Amino acid sequence: MTNPEQKILIVDDEPMIRRLLHQKLTKQGYHCEEACSSEEALVIMGNYVPDLMLLDLKMPGKSGMDLLPELKTMYPGLAVIMATAVNETNLAIQCMRLGAEDYVCKPFNLDEVALNVEKTLEKKSLEKKIKEFQEQLNQKVEQQTLEIRTLFLGSIEALVFALEAKDKYTAGHSRRVTEIALA
């Protein structure tokens, strides 16, 4: 299920591939932009931060492999799917280690690419929700810890007052012990 607000940046030096991916993903309901090089992609990302980037591995100038770590540092929430004509397992593993979420080989089956995009964006969305829930949970734990501490101190204070009210000898004892300890 696509979200029309989800943005994809297609980075490939081959215009035909960019156009095919753009057409397919736009039909799927995504908002797509294109870049023909790593440098152009960085310029575009100055104004347009996508949810996902389809990044060609080998391009003239800065390769996708060189750009990937830079992207993951600058945009940690960005999902990246690497695309290449080389079907080499070592490259796929290296891309995943650098932070790519997936790896697709050319020539593309456009339906498979669209499915990979959908699954990757769904995974990123779930990760974002989990992070939000964790933050909410941490806030609730902090709030409840503060409330428990306040209640605990109130209970101790009530016990001290009850003890002092019962026995004249112990009256004021806690205050005196506190003053001596502070001194």
Protein backbone atom coordinates (compact mmCIF):
# COMPACT_ATOMS: atom_id res chain seq x y z
CA MET A 1 0.00 0.00 0.00
CA THR A 2 1.71 3.16 -1.18
CA ASN A 3 1.56 6.50 0.49
CA PRO A 4 1.34 9.32 -2.10
CA GLU A 5 3.48 11.49 0.14
CA GLN A 6 6.36 9.03 -0.06
CA LYS A 7 9.16 10.43 -2.18
CA ILE A 8 11.70 8.51 -4.20
CA LEU A 9 14.90 9.80 -5.77
CA ILE A 10 16.12 7.72 -8.72
CA VAL A 11 19.86 8.14 -9.25
CA ASP A 12 21.24 6.50 -12.40
CA ASP A 13 23.47 7.69 -15.22
CA GLU A 14 21.27 5.96 -17.83
CA PRO A 15 18.29 8.18 -18.83
CA MET A 16 16.22 5.23 -20.10
CA ILE A 17 16.47 3.41 -16.77
CA ARG A 18 15.58 6.57 -14.85
CA ARG A 19 12.57 7.15 -17.07
CA LEU A 20 11.30 3.54 -16.80
CA LEU A 21 11.66 3.52 -13.01
CA HIS A 22 10.08 6.96 -12.77
CA GLN A 23 7.07 5.89 -14.85
CA LYS A 24 6.55 2.61 -12.97
CA LEU A 25 6.90 4.09 -9.49
CA THR A 26 4.75 7.12 -10.34
CA LYS A 27 2.01 4.72 -11.50
CA GLN A 28 2.38 2.97 -8.13
CA GLY A 29 1.56 6.29 -6.45
CA TYR A 30 5.00 7.56 -5.41
CA HIS A 31 6.34 11.06 -5.97
CA CYS A 32 9.59 10.60 -7.93
CA GLU A 33 12.54 12.79 -8.79
CA GLU A 34 15.57 11.91 -10.91
CA ALA A 35 19.30 12.58 -10.79
CA CYS A 36 21.91 11.52 -13.33
CA SER A 37 24.89 11.52 -10.93
CA SER A 38 25.84 11.38 -7.28
CA GLU A 39 26.69 15.06 -7.35
CA GLU A 40 23.28 16.00 -8.79
CA ALA A 41 21.59 13.77 -6.19
CA LEU A 42 23.30 15.67 -3.38
CA VAL A 43 22.22 19.00 -4.88
CA ILE A 44 18.61 17.79 -5.20
CA MET A 45 18.66 16.52 -1.62
CA GLY A 46 19.43 20.02 -0.44
CA ASN A 47 15.77 20.87 -1.13
CA TYR A 48 14.11 17.46 -1.49
CA VAL A 49 14.78 14.73 1.05
CA PRO A 50 13.27 11.49 -0.22
CA ASP A 51 12.03 8.55 1.82
CA LEU A 52 13.89 6.17 -0.48
CA MET A 53 16.67 6.39 -3.01
CA LEU A 54 17.23 3.97 -5.88
CA LEU A 55 20.97 4.36 -6.34
CA ASP A 56 23.03 3.01 -9.22
CA LEU A 57 26.19 1.34 -7.99
CA LYS A 58 28.47 2.30 -10.86
CA MET A 59 28.28 5.80 -12.31
CA PRO A 60 30.83 8.20 -13.77
CA GLY A 61 32.35 10.42 -11.10
CA LYS A 62 31.38 9.44 -7.58
CA SER A 63 29.96 5.94 -7.59
CA GLY A 64 26.88 4.88 -5.68
CA MET A 65 29.13 2.82 -3.42
CA ASP A 66 31.10 5.97 -2.54
CA LEU A 67 27.93 8.01 -2.03
CA LEU A 68 26.16 5.48 0.20
CA PRO A 69 28.14 6.03 3.45
CA GLU A 70 27.89 9.79 2.98
CA LEU A 71 24.11 9.52 2.57
CA LYS A 72 23.73 7.32 5.64
CA THR A 73 25.70 9.84 7.70
CA MET A 74 23.78 12.89 6.45
CA TYR A 75 20.33 11.23 6.26
CA PRO A 76 20.21 8.27 8.67
CA GLY A 77 16.49 7.66 8.05
CA LEU A 78 16.92 7.41 4.28
CA ALA A 79 16.18 4.00 2.77
CA VAL A 80 18.55 3.07 -0.07
CA ILE A 81 18.15 0.34 -2.66
CA MET A 82 21.28 -0.21 -4.70
CA ALA A 83 20.94 -1.02 -8.41
CA THR A 84 23.61 -2.49 -10.63
CA ALA A 85 24.22 -4.51 -13.80
CA VAL A 86 26.75 -6.62 -11.90
CA ASN A 87 25.22 -9.63 -10.14
CA GLU A 88 27.97 -10.17 -7.60
CA THR A 89 27.22 -11.39 -4.08
CA ASN A 90 30.26 -9.65 -2.55
CA LEU A 91 29.05 -6.27 -3.82
CA ALA A 92 25.58 -6.87 -2.40
CA ILE A 93 27.04 -7.79 0.99
CA GLN A 94 29.31 -4.75 0.94
CA CYS A 95 26.35 -2.48 0.11
CA MET A 96 24.31 -3.94 2.97
CA ARG A 97 27.21 -3.38 5.37
CA LEU A 98 27.37 0.24 4.25
CA GLY A 99 23.67 0.66 5.05
CA ALA A 100 21.71 -0.24 1.92
CA GLU A 101 18.37 -1.87 2.63
CA ASP A 102 18.23 -3.87 -0.60
CA TYR A 103 20.05 -4.64 -3.82
CA VAL A 104 18.52 -5.14 -7.29
CA CYS A 105 20.19 -6.26 -10.50
CA LYS A 106 19.75 -4.90 -14.00
CA PRO A 107 17.96 -5.68 -16.24
CA PHE A 108 15.06 -4.93 -13.92
CA ASN A 109 11.78 -6.65 -13.61
CA LEU A 110 9.86 -3.46 -12.88
CA ASP A 111 7.20 -5.28 -10.85
CA GLU A 112 9.91 -6.73 -8.59
CA VAL A 113 11.53 -3.32 -8.18
CA ALA A 114 8.15 -1.81 -7.24
CA LEU A 115 7.61 -4.63 -4.72
CA ASN A 116 11.11 -4.10 -3.25
CA VAL A 117 10.40 -0.38 -2.95
CA GLU A 118 7.07 -1.02 -1.22
CA LYS A 119 8.58 -3.56 1.21
CA THR A 120 11.54 -1.32 2.00
CA LEU A 121 9.34 1.70 2.66
CA GLU A 122 6.99 -0.42 4.78
CA LYS A 123 9.94 -1.68 6.83
CA LYS A 124 11.23 1.87 7.33
CA SER A 125 7.76 3.01 8.38
CA LEU A 126 7.53 0.20 10.94
CA GLU A 127 11.01 1.03 12.26
CA LYS A 128 9.95 4.66 12.66
CA LYS A 129 6.78 3.64 14.54
CA ILE A 130 8.79 1.36 16.84
CA LYS A 131 11.18 4.21 17.60
CA GLU A 132 8.27 6.55 18.36
CA PHE A 133 6.67 3.94 20.65
CA GLN A 134 10.00 3.45 22.45
CA GLU A 135 10.32 7.19 23.00
CA GLN A 136 6.75 7.37 24.33
CA LEU A 137 7.43 4.40 26.59
CA ASN A 138 10.61 5.99 27.92
CA GLN A 139 8.72 9.22 28.66
CA LYS A 140 6.01 7.29 30.52
CA VAL A 141 8.60 5.34 32.51
CA GLU A 142 10.36 8.59 33.50
CA GLN A 143 7.06 10.18 34.47
CA GLN A 144 5.95 7.16 36.52
CA THR A 145 9.36 6.90 38.18
CA LEU A 146 9.03 10.51 39.30
CA GLU A 147 5.49 9.86 40.58
CA ILE A 148 6.62 6.73 42.46
CA ARG A 149 9.53 8.61 44.01
CA THR A 150 7.17 11.40 45.14
CA LEU A 151 4.71 8.88 46.59
CA PHE A 152 7.51 6.97 48.32
CA LEU A 153 8.92 10.10 49.94
CA GLY A 154 5.41 11.14 50.97
CA SER A 155 4.85 7.72 52.56
CA ILE A 156 8.11 7.92 54.49
CA GLU A 157 7.23 11.40 55.68
CA ALA A 158 3.75 10.23 56.78
CA LEU A 159 5.30 7.31 58.71
CA VAL A 160 7.73 9.65 60.44
CA PHE A 161 4.90 11.99 61.48
CA ALA A 162 2.84 9.03 62.72
CA LEU A 163 5.79 7.71 64.74
CA GLU A 164 6.54 11.12 66.23
CA ALA A 165 2.87 11.68 67.13
CA LYS A 166 2.70 8.36 68.99
CA ASP A 167 5.73 8.77 71.22
CA LYS A 168 6.90 12.05 72.77
CA TYR A 169 10.46 10.70 73.09
CA THR A 170 10.79 10.22 69.33
CA ALA A 171 9.10 13.54 68.51
CA GLY A 172 11.55 15.66 66.58
CA HIS A 173 14.09 12.80 66.46
CA SER A 174 14.02 12.58 62.66
CA ARG A 175 14.56 16.33 62.34
CA ARG A 176 17.49 16.21 64.76
CA VAL A 177 19.07 13.27 62.91
CA THR A 178 18.66 15.12 59.61
CA GLU A 179 20.24 18.29 61.02
CA ILE A 180 23.19 16.35 62.44
CA ALA A 181 23.67 14.44 59.19
CA LEU A 182 23.64 17.66 57.18
CA ALA A 183 26.05 19.32 59.56
